[in-house]
Amino acid sequence: MTKPKLFILKMPFEDGPGKFWICSHCALIEGALSVNAHWCDQVDVRRIDFPKPRKEVVDLLGEANQWLPVLVLEDGKLIKEPNEVINYLADRFGGAAVHP
């Protein structure tokens, strides 16, 4: 069985000489992964370097779809909104979802 693929940025990343950042959307998902560690057994989590082109993402989704985070489901459907990614994983695999 193929697992969903979750692409998030490796953090922190450098963007500009000596300027280090986090992606707030990816950080939200990292937080959800930390409290729902069992998701990592069910999802192929791939932490991608910040600079574009992001070859692994481009090879799978095309050059126009490098925005991260993105969850790629087995049927090819994409979920890009962080809260939707977290809620999907909680619904599918159990665990804590985003509080309304």
C-alpha atoms as a PDB file:
ATOM      1  CA  MET A   1       0.000   0.000   0.000  1.00  0.00           C
ATOM      2  CA  THR A   2       1.307   3.417  -0.941  1.00  0.00           C
ATOM      3  CA  LYS A   3       1.515   5.955   1.851  1.00  0.00           C
ATOM      4  CA  PRO A   4       0.486   9.591   1.465  1.00  0.00           C
ATOM      5  CA  LYS A   5       3.519  11.835   0.950  1.00  0.00           C
ATOM      6  CA  LEU A   6       3.916  14.925   3.123  1.00  0.00           C
ATOM      7  CA  PHE A   7       6.407  17.511   1.883  1.00  0.00           C
ATOM      8  CA  ILE A   8       7.544  20.158   4.373  1.00  0.00           C
ATOM      9  CA  LEU A   9      10.533  22.475   4.497  1.00  0.00           C
ATOM     10  CA  LYS A  10      13.644  21.626   6.510  1.00  0.00           C
ATOM     11  CA  MET A  11      13.945  24.308   9.154  1.00  0.00           C
ATOM     12  CA  PRO A  12      15.579  26.572   9.904  1.00  0.00           C
ATOM     13  CA  PHE A  13      16.554  27.586   6.400  1.00  0.00           C
ATOM     14  CA  GLU A  14      18.719  30.414   5.129  1.00  0.00           C
ATOM     15  CA  ASP A  15      17.200  33.003   2.787  1.00  0.00           C
ATOM     16  CA  GLY A  16      19.616  35.864   2.466  1.00  0.00           C
ATOM     17  CA  PRO A  17      23.133  36.057   3.848  1.00  0.00           C
ATOM     18  CA  GLY A  18      22.997  35.155   7.519  1.00  0.00           C
ATOM     19  CA  LYS A  19      19.172  35.313   7.679  1.00  0.00           C
ATOM     20  CA  PHE A  20      17.538  32.193   9.048  1.00  0.00           C
ATOM     21  CA  TRP A  21      13.830  31.499   8.973  1.00  0.00           C
ATOM     22  CA  ILE A  22      11.099  29.021   9.679  1.00  0.00           C
ATOM     23  CA  CYS A  23       7.993  28.448   7.590  1.00  0.00           C
ATOM     24  CA  SER A  24       5.043  29.040   9.925  1.00  0.00           C
ATOM     25  CA  HIS A  25       2.855  26.632   7.941  1.00  0.00           C
ATOM     26  CA  CYS A  26       5.450  23.852   8.064  1.00  0.00           C
ATOM     27  CA  ALA A  27       6.142  24.571  11.746  1.00  0.00           C
ATOM     28  CA  LEU A  28       2.445  24.057  12.515  1.00  0.00           C
ATOM     29  CA  ILE A  29       2.595  20.658  10.831  1.00  0.00           C
ATOM     30  CA  GLU A  30       5.869  19.766  12.604  1.00  0.00           C
ATOM     31  CA  GLY A  31       4.108  20.535  15.889  1.00  0.00           C
ATOM     32  CA  ALA A  32       1.207  18.258  14.962  1.00  0.00           C
ATOM     33  CA  LEU A  33       3.671  15.508  13.988  1.00  0.00           C
ATOM     34  CA  SER A  34       5.404  15.836  17.354  1.00  0.00           C
ATOM     35  CA  VAL A  35       2.178  15.179  19.291  1.00  0.00           C
ATOM     36  CA  ASN A  36       0.944  12.569  16.811  1.00  0.00           C
ATOM     37  CA  ALA A  37       4.181  10.618  16.369  1.00  0.00           C
ATOM     38  CA  HIS A  38       2.278   7.572  15.082  1.00  0.00           C
ATOM     39  CA  TRP A  39       1.493   9.499  11.876  1.00  0.00           C
ATOM     40  CA  CYS A  40       5.123   9.063  10.819  1.00  0.00           C
ATOM     41  CA  ASP A  41       4.454   5.312  10.509  1.00  0.00           C
ATOM     42  CA  GLN A  42       1.534   5.990   8.160  1.00  0.00           C
ATOM     43  CA  VAL A  43       2.834   8.926   6.117  1.00  0.00           C
ATOM     44  CA  ASP A  44       5.990   9.313   4.033  1.00  0.00           C
ATOM     45  CA  VAL A  45       7.277  12.588   5.534  1.00  0.00           C
ATOM     46  CA  ARG A  46       9.845  14.318   3.351  1.00  0.00           C
ATOM     47  CA  ARG A  47      11.682  17.380   4.590  1.00  0.00           C
ATOM     48  CA  ILE A  48      12.815  19.402   1.599  1.00  0.00           C
ATOM     49  CA  ASP A  49      15.538  22.055   1.335  1.00  0.00           C
ATOM     50  CA  PHE A  50      14.276  25.618   0.867  1.00  0.00           C
ATOM     51  CA  PRO A  51      15.991  26.641  -2.408  1.00  0.00           C
ATOM     52  CA  LYS A  52      14.047  26.223  -5.629  1.00  0.00           C
ATOM     53  CA  PRO A  53      13.737  24.299  -7.768  1.00  0.00           C
ATOM     54  CA  ARG A  54      12.758  21.636  -5.280  1.00  0.00           C
ATOM     55  CA  LYS A  55      13.553  18.730  -7.580  1.00  0.00           C
ATOM     56  CA  GLU A  56      11.733  16.000  -5.670  1.00  0.00           C
ATOM     57  CA  VAL A  57       8.552  18.085  -5.558  1.00  0.00           C
ATOM     58  CA  VAL A  58       8.892  19.248  -9.181  1.00  0.00           C
ATOM     59  CA  ASP A  59       9.419  15.666 -10.378  1.00  0.00           C
ATOM     60  CA  LEU A  60       6.174  14.585  -8.701  1.00  0.00           C
ATOM     61  CA  LEU A  61       3.940  17.657  -9.008  1.00  0.00           C
ATOM     62  CA  GLY A  62       5.444  19.943 -11.647  1.00  0.00           C
ATOM     63  CA  GLU A  63       7.310  23.231 -11.450  1.00  0.00           C
ATOM     64  CA  ALA A  64       4.197  25.282 -10.611  1.00  0.00           C
ATOM     65  CA  ASN A  65       3.488  23.231  -7.453  1.00  0.00           C
ATOM     66  CA  GLN A  66       6.582  23.825  -5.289  1.00  0.00           C
ATOM     67  CA  TRP A  67       4.737  25.647  -2.495  1.00  0.00           C
ATOM     68  CA  LEU A  68       5.072  23.762   0.768  1.00  0.00           C
ATOM     69  CA  PRO A  69       3.647  22.196   2.806  1.00  0.00           C
ATOM     70  CA  VAL A  70       1.699  19.795   0.628  1.00  0.00           C
ATOM     71  CA  LEU A  71       0.178  16.405   1.349  1.00  0.00           C
ATOM     72  CA  VAL A  72      -0.078  14.155  -1.710  1.00  0.00           C
ATOM     73  CA  LEU A  73      -2.706  11.469  -1.280  1.00  0.00           C
ATOM     74  CA  GLU A  74      -2.584   8.040  -2.886  1.00  0.00           C
ATOM     75  CA  ASP A  75      -5.106   9.120  -5.550  1.00  0.00           C
ATOM     76  CA  GLY A  76      -2.975  12.156  -6.463  1.00  0.00           C
ATOM     77  CA  LYS A  77      -5.200  14.686  -4.680  1.00  0.00           C
ATOM     78  CA  LEU A  78      -3.261  17.510  -3.010  1.00  0.00           C
ATOM     79  CA  ILE A  79      -3.963  19.135   0.334  1.00  0.00           C
ATOM     80  CA  LYS A  80      -2.022  22.377   0.771  1.00  0.00           C
ATOM     81  CA  GLU A  81      -3.713  24.221   3.649  1.00  0.00           C
ATOM     82  CA  PRO A  82      -1.923  23.300   6.901  1.00  0.00           C
ATOM     83  CA  ASN A  83      -5.043  22.944   9.065  1.00  0.00           C
ATOM     84  CA  GLU A  84      -6.636  20.728   6.413  1.00  0.00           C
ATOM     85  CA  VAL A  85      -3.494  18.568   6.265  1.00  0.00           C
ATOM     86  CA  ILE A  86      -3.540  18.095  10.034  1.00  0.00           C
ATOM     87  CA  ASN A  87      -7.280  17.417  10.199  1.00  0.00           C
ATOM     88  CA  TYR A  88      -7.066  14.923   7.333  1.00  0.00           C
ATOM     89  CA  LEU A  89      -4.274  13.007   9.083  1.00  0.00           C
ATOM     90  CA  ALA A  90      -6.179  13.029  12.392  1.00  0.00           C
ATOM     91  CA  ASP A  91      -9.359  11.778  10.701  1.00  0.00           C
ATOM     92  CA  ARG A  92      -7.534   9.083   8.763  1.00  0.00           C
ATOM     93  CA  PHE A  93      -4.970   7.875  11.302  1.00  0.00           C
ATOM     94  CA  GLY A  94      -6.348   9.089  14.638  1.00  0.00           C
ATOM     95  CA  GLY A  95      -4.820  11.599  16.983  1.00  0.00           C
ATOM     96  CA  ALA A  96      -5.151  15.281  17.732  1.00  0.00           C
ATOM     97  CA  ALA A  97      -6.702  17.604  15.176  1.00  0.00           C
ATOM     98  CA  VAL A  98      -6.745  21.406  15.010  1.00  0.00           C
ATOM     99  CA  HIS A  99      -9.091  22.860  17.614  1.00  0.00           C
ATOM    100  CA  PRO A 100     -11.932  24.820  15.988  1.00  0.00           C
END
